[in-house]
Amino acid sequence: MYMDHITFQDLITFQRCEIQPLRGYYYADKRDYSCRQVISNLFSLRLRYKAQDNPLQEIIKLILNSVYGKTILKPINEAYRFVNSNQVTDYIRRRYNYIKEITGVDGQRRCIAREVKPYYKHF
């Protein structure tokens, strides 16, 4: 079974599974929670600038939105690639381990290849 660290911890905590990783990477050290303090400081700084009606609060708001958007990003499991029909055979030879499906489009001049994205690049 392939899983990320959250699934791994959930299986141990909530399902009481005993798991022995066979292969892969597992980080057993503590996590770095210093990001929480930085976000808290930015949030209080934004509140102060907002009370002063300072336009700098908008920049801090954008920074906080970016952090929020990046931290809740789900893993991207698939990628789509456009390939010219005359290059499909070469493309399949190079990427056959990752290809899930190839569909012809645009009057069969181009194809869309749906690929599996490597799991180790999610984080």
C-alpha atoms as a PDB file:
ATOM      1  CA  MET A   1       0.000   0.000   0.000  1.00  0.00           C
ATOM      2  CA  TYR A   2       1.292   3.450  -0.878  1.00  0.00           C
ATOM      3  CA  MET A   3       0.480   6.255   1.548  1.00  0.00           C
ATOM      4  CA  ASP A   4       1.515   9.686   2.645  1.00  0.00           C
ATOM      5  CA  HIS A   5       2.547  10.565   6.190  1.00  0.00           C
ATOM      6  CA  ILE A   6      -0.943  11.686   7.228  1.00  0.00           C
ATOM      7  CA  THR A   7      -2.538   8.394   6.167  1.00  0.00           C
ATOM      8  CA  PHE A   8       0.287   6.556   7.897  1.00  0.00           C
ATOM      9  CA  GLN A   9      -0.347   8.379  11.183  1.00  0.00           C
ATOM     10  CA  ASP A  10      -4.136   8.032  10.867  1.00  0.00           C
ATOM     11  CA  LEU A  11      -3.919   4.267  10.386  1.00  0.00           C
ATOM     12  CA  ILE A  12      -1.786   3.943  13.499  1.00  0.00           C
ATOM     13  CA  THR A  13      -3.841   6.347  15.624  1.00  0.00           C
ATOM     14  CA  PHE A  14      -7.435   5.670  14.625  1.00  0.00           C
ATOM     15  CA  GLN A  15      -7.394   2.156  13.162  1.00  0.00           C
ATOM     16  CA  ARG A  16      -4.786   0.829  15.614  1.00  0.00           C
ATOM     17  CA  CYS A  17      -2.829  -0.770  12.765  1.00  0.00           C
ATOM     18  CA  GLU A  18       0.659  -2.071  13.269  1.00  0.00           C
ATOM     19  CA  ILE A  19       2.549  -0.938  10.188  1.00  0.00           C
ATOM     20  CA  GLN A  20       6.004  -1.956   9.068  1.00  0.00           C
ATOM     21  CA  PRO A  21       7.271   0.156   6.135  1.00  0.00           C
ATOM     22  CA  LEU A  22       8.904  -2.047   3.511  1.00  0.00           C
ATOM     23  CA  ARG A  23      10.355   0.649   1.277  1.00  0.00           C
ATOM     24  CA  GLY A  24      10.166   4.358   1.035  1.00  0.00           C
ATOM     25  CA  TYR A  25      10.986   7.359   3.089  1.00  0.00           C
ATOM     26  CA  TYR A  26       9.803   7.964   6.600  1.00  0.00           C
ATOM     27  CA  TYR A  27      10.776  10.955   8.692  1.00  0.00           C
ATOM     28  CA  ALA A  28      10.618   9.901  12.340  1.00  0.00           C
ATOM     29  CA  ASP A  29      11.883  13.125  13.893  1.00  0.00           C
ATOM     30  CA  LYS A  30       9.737  15.942  15.241  1.00  0.00           C
ATOM     31  CA  ARG A  31       8.105  18.424  12.905  1.00  0.00           C
ATOM     32  CA  ASP A  32       9.065  22.064  12.747  1.00  0.00           C
ATOM     33  CA  TYR A  33       6.136  24.147  13.981  1.00  0.00           C
ATOM     34  CA  SER A  34       7.890  27.532  13.764  1.00  0.00           C
ATOM     35  CA  CYS A  35       5.616  28.395  10.821  1.00  0.00           C
ATOM     36  CA  ARG A  36       2.726  28.756  13.275  1.00  0.00           C
ATOM     37  CA  GLN A  37       4.502  31.560  15.116  1.00  0.00           C
ATOM     38  CA  VAL A  38       5.336  33.375  11.887  1.00  0.00           C
ATOM     39  CA  ILE A  39       1.721  33.182  10.710  1.00  0.00           C
ATOM     40  CA  SER A  40       0.467  34.382  14.086  1.00  0.00           C
ATOM     41  CA  ASN A  41       2.868  37.347  13.984  1.00  0.00           C
ATOM     42  CA  LEU A  42       1.811  38.226  10.437  1.00  0.00           C
ATOM     43  CA  PHE A  43      -1.861  38.018  11.406  1.00  0.00           C
ATOM     44  CA  SER A  44      -1.465  40.344  14.396  1.00  0.00           C
ATOM     45  CA  LEU A  45       0.660  42.715  12.305  1.00  0.00           C
ATOM     46  CA  ARG A  46      -2.073  42.821   9.665  1.00  0.00           C
ATOM     47  CA  LEU A  47      -4.714  43.606  12.299  1.00  0.00           C
ATOM     48  CA  ARG A  48      -2.618  46.495  13.565  1.00  0.00           C
ATOM     49  CA  TYR A  49      -2.089  47.936  10.051  1.00  0.00           C
ATOM     50  CA  LYS A  50      -5.742  47.423   9.201  1.00  0.00           C
ATOM     51  CA  ALA A  51      -6.782  49.432  12.290  1.00  0.00           C
ATOM     52  CA  GLN A  52      -4.453  52.221  11.108  1.00  0.00           C
ATOM     53  CA  ASP A  53      -5.972  52.006   7.604  1.00  0.00           C
ATOM     54  CA  ASN A  54      -2.502  51.361   6.210  1.00  0.00           C
ATOM     55  CA  PRO A  55      -2.404  49.824   2.692  1.00  0.00           C
ATOM     56  CA  LEU A  56       0.453  47.560   3.836  1.00  0.00           C
ATOM     57  CA  GLN A  57      -2.203  45.325   5.397  1.00  0.00           C
ATOM     58  CA  GLU A  58      -3.247  44.240   1.879  1.00  0.00           C
ATOM     59  CA  ILE A  59       0.251  42.918   1.178  1.00  0.00           C
ATOM     60  CA  ILE A  60       0.278  40.972   4.424  1.00  0.00           C
ATOM     61  CA  LYS A  61      -3.166  39.614   3.541  1.00  0.00           C
ATOM     62  CA  LEU A  62      -1.807  38.326   0.211  1.00  0.00           C
ATOM     63  CA  ILE A  63       1.120  36.672   1.977  1.00  0.00           C
ATOM     64  CA  LEU A  64      -1.227  34.955   4.432  1.00  0.00           C
ATOM     65  CA  ASN A  65      -3.503  33.810   1.580  1.00  0.00           C
ATOM     66  CA  SER A  66      -0.515  32.334  -0.229  1.00  0.00           C
ATOM     67  CA  VAL A  67       0.574  30.438   2.867  1.00  0.00           C
ATOM     68  CA  TYR A  68      -2.944  29.151   3.408  1.00  0.00           C
ATOM     69  CA  GLY A  69      -3.338  28.063  -0.206  1.00  0.00           C
ATOM     70  CA  LYS A  70      -0.018  26.234  -0.267  1.00  0.00           C
ATOM     71  CA  THR A  71      -0.482  24.435   3.047  1.00  0.00           C
ATOM     72  CA  ILE A  72      -3.872  22.941   2.139  1.00  0.00           C
ATOM     73  CA  LEU A  73      -2.803  21.862  -1.336  1.00  0.00           C
ATOM     74  CA  LYS A  74      -3.803  18.271  -2.027  1.00  0.00           C
ATOM     75  CA  PRO A  75      -1.383  15.925  -3.754  1.00  0.00           C
ATOM     76  CA  ILE A  76      -1.465  16.177  -7.526  1.00  0.00           C
ATOM     77  CA  ASN A  77      -1.647  12.583  -8.717  1.00  0.00           C
ATOM     78  CA  GLU A  78      -1.913  13.092 -12.469  1.00  0.00           C
ATOM     79  CA  ALA A  79      -0.391  15.241 -15.176  1.00  0.00           C
ATOM     80  CA  TYR A  80      -1.672  15.888 -18.681  1.00  0.00           C
ATOM     81  CA  ARG A  81       0.685  16.287 -21.609  1.00  0.00           C
ATOM     82  CA  PHE A  82      -0.063  17.189 -25.221  1.00  0.00           C
ATOM     83  CA  VAL A  83       1.863  15.155 -27.793  1.00  0.00           C
ATOM     84  CA  ASN A  84       1.884  15.462 -31.564  1.00  0.00           C
ATOM     85  CA  SER A  85       0.546  12.319 -33.234  1.00  0.00           C
ATOM     86  CA  ASN A  86       3.750  11.724 -35.162  1.00  0.00           C
ATOM     87  CA  GLN A  87       5.717  11.673 -31.875  1.00  0.00           C
ATOM     88  CA  VAL A  88       3.430   9.387 -29.870  1.00  0.00           C
ATOM     89  CA  THR A  89       5.512   6.228 -30.398  1.00  0.00           C
ATOM     90  CA  ASP A  90       8.692   7.911 -29.145  1.00  0.00           C
ATOM     91  CA  TYR A  91       6.763   9.423 -26.254  1.00  0.00           C
ATOM     92  CA  ILE A  92       5.423   6.003 -25.227  1.00  0.00           C
ATOM     93  CA  ARG A  93       8.920   4.514 -25.368  1.00  0.00           C
ATOM     94  CA  ARG A  94      10.266   7.187 -23.039  1.00  0.00           C
ATOM     95  CA  ARG A  95       7.336   7.477 -20.584  1.00  0.00           C
ATOM     96  CA  TYR A  96       5.637   4.048 -20.645  1.00  0.00           C
ATOM     97  CA  ASN A  97       5.958   3.601 -16.867  1.00  0.00           C
ATOM     98  CA  TYR A  98       3.932   6.739 -16.170  1.00  0.00           C
ATOM     99  CA  ILE A  99       1.269   6.731 -18.893  1.00  0.00           C
ATOM    100  CA  LYS A 100      -2.267   5.853 -17.805  1.00  0.00           C
ATOM    101  CA  GLU A 101      -4.128   6.731 -20.983  1.00  0.00           C
ATOM    102  CA  ILE A 102      -3.625   8.400 -24.353  1.00  0.00           C
ATOM    103  CA  THR A 103      -6.555  10.016 -26.157  1.00  0.00           C
ATOM    104  CA  GLY A 104      -6.549  11.484 -29.652  1.00  0.00           C
ATOM    105  CA  VAL A 105      -7.900  15.028 -30.057  1.00  0.00           C
ATOM    106  CA  ASP A 106      -7.827  17.891 -32.527  1.00  0.00           C
ATOM    107  CA  GLY A 107      -8.662  15.755 -35.545  1.00  0.00           C
ATOM    108  CA  GLN A 108      -6.104  13.156 -34.389  1.00  0.00           C
ATOM    109  CA  ARG A 109      -3.225  15.613 -34.962  1.00  0.00           C
ATOM    110  CA  ARG A 110      -2.504  15.724 -31.247  1.00  0.00           C
ATOM    111  CA  CYS A 111      -2.996  13.405 -28.308  1.00  0.00           C
ATOM    112  CA  ILE A 112      -3.512  13.988 -24.631  1.00  0.00           C
ATOM    113  CA  ALA A 113      -1.486  11.678 -22.417  1.00  0.00           C
ATOM    114  CA  ARG A 114      -2.670  11.247 -18.859  1.00  0.00           C
ATOM    115  CA  GLU A 115       0.262  10.309 -16.621  1.00  0.00           C
ATOM    116  CA  VAL A 116       0.802   9.307 -13.041  1.00  0.00           C
ATOM    117  CA  LYS A 117       2.879  11.870 -11.182  1.00  0.00           C
ATOM    118  CA  PRO A 118       5.631  10.432  -9.001  1.00  0.00           C
ATOM    119  CA  TYR A 119       4.536  10.219  -5.403  1.00  0.00           C
ATOM    120  CA  TYR A 120       7.781  11.516  -3.905  1.00  0.00           C
ATOM    121  CA  LYS A 121       7.257  14.936  -5.527  1.00  0.00           C
ATOM    122  CA  HIS A 122       4.036  15.697  -3.624  1.00  0.00           C
ATOM    123  CA  PHE A 123       5.826  17.387  -0.767  1.00  0.00           C
END
